[in-house]
Amino acid sequence: MIYLATILSSFLVSNTLQEIFDNAPSNGEYQKYIILEPNQIYLGGISGINEDGLNVFIDCQGSTIDLNNQLGIWTYASLGEELNLKVQYCNIINGQYGLYIQGHSKADISNCNFYNNHIGVKIKDYTEVTIENTNFINNGYLNSYCGQNIGGVEYPPCGYGLAIITEEPTVSINYCNSFENHRTYWENCPG
């Protein structure tokens, strides 16, 4: 009977990443310190890590964040109050973008997999991003209508594993792989 109650309670507990972020404790230098349970599936992204000066740590321990064709994890910070994000051991799948680093944010991404997103990682503005030991696989296949106008509906072009937009970001990429992304491994688009 206790075993059945444990199974039922696990179905009642929400595994959305947004709720976990909202309720995350602090730890040392991090105001939001998240360590996910290993080998689980968490739903949805985080709709705006945009508190200036915030330090966020996310360790998925190999778990999957399934974005369900929605937005991923987005950061934005103002000049002088940089936001710091460290993400490791995450499998981020099925999103408009996996991570979107914008404004004056800093990010350290390591040992992650970005699979089947429109764009795996999107970097813009005055960001500083380090990506290491990360795979970009099958990104850009959000739908089969990439870049087409069908019935008056304009679908966005197919994406990339990594998109660097504007000329200002500082990006360091080490020991990363790219497989079967729709366009190319990455796009550097100054405008």
Foldseek 3Di string as FASTA:
>chain_A
DVVVVVVVVVVVDAQAPQVLQVPAPADPLARGEEEADAAEEHEAAHDEPEDFQHEHEYEDNQYEYEDQAEAHYEYEYEPPREYEYEYENYEYEQYCEHYEYDYAYEYEYEHYEYEAYQEDYEYEDQYEYEYEHYEQEQAQPNDPQAQHQDPNDGHHHRHEPYEYEADRYHYHYYHYYYYNRPPYHYYYHND
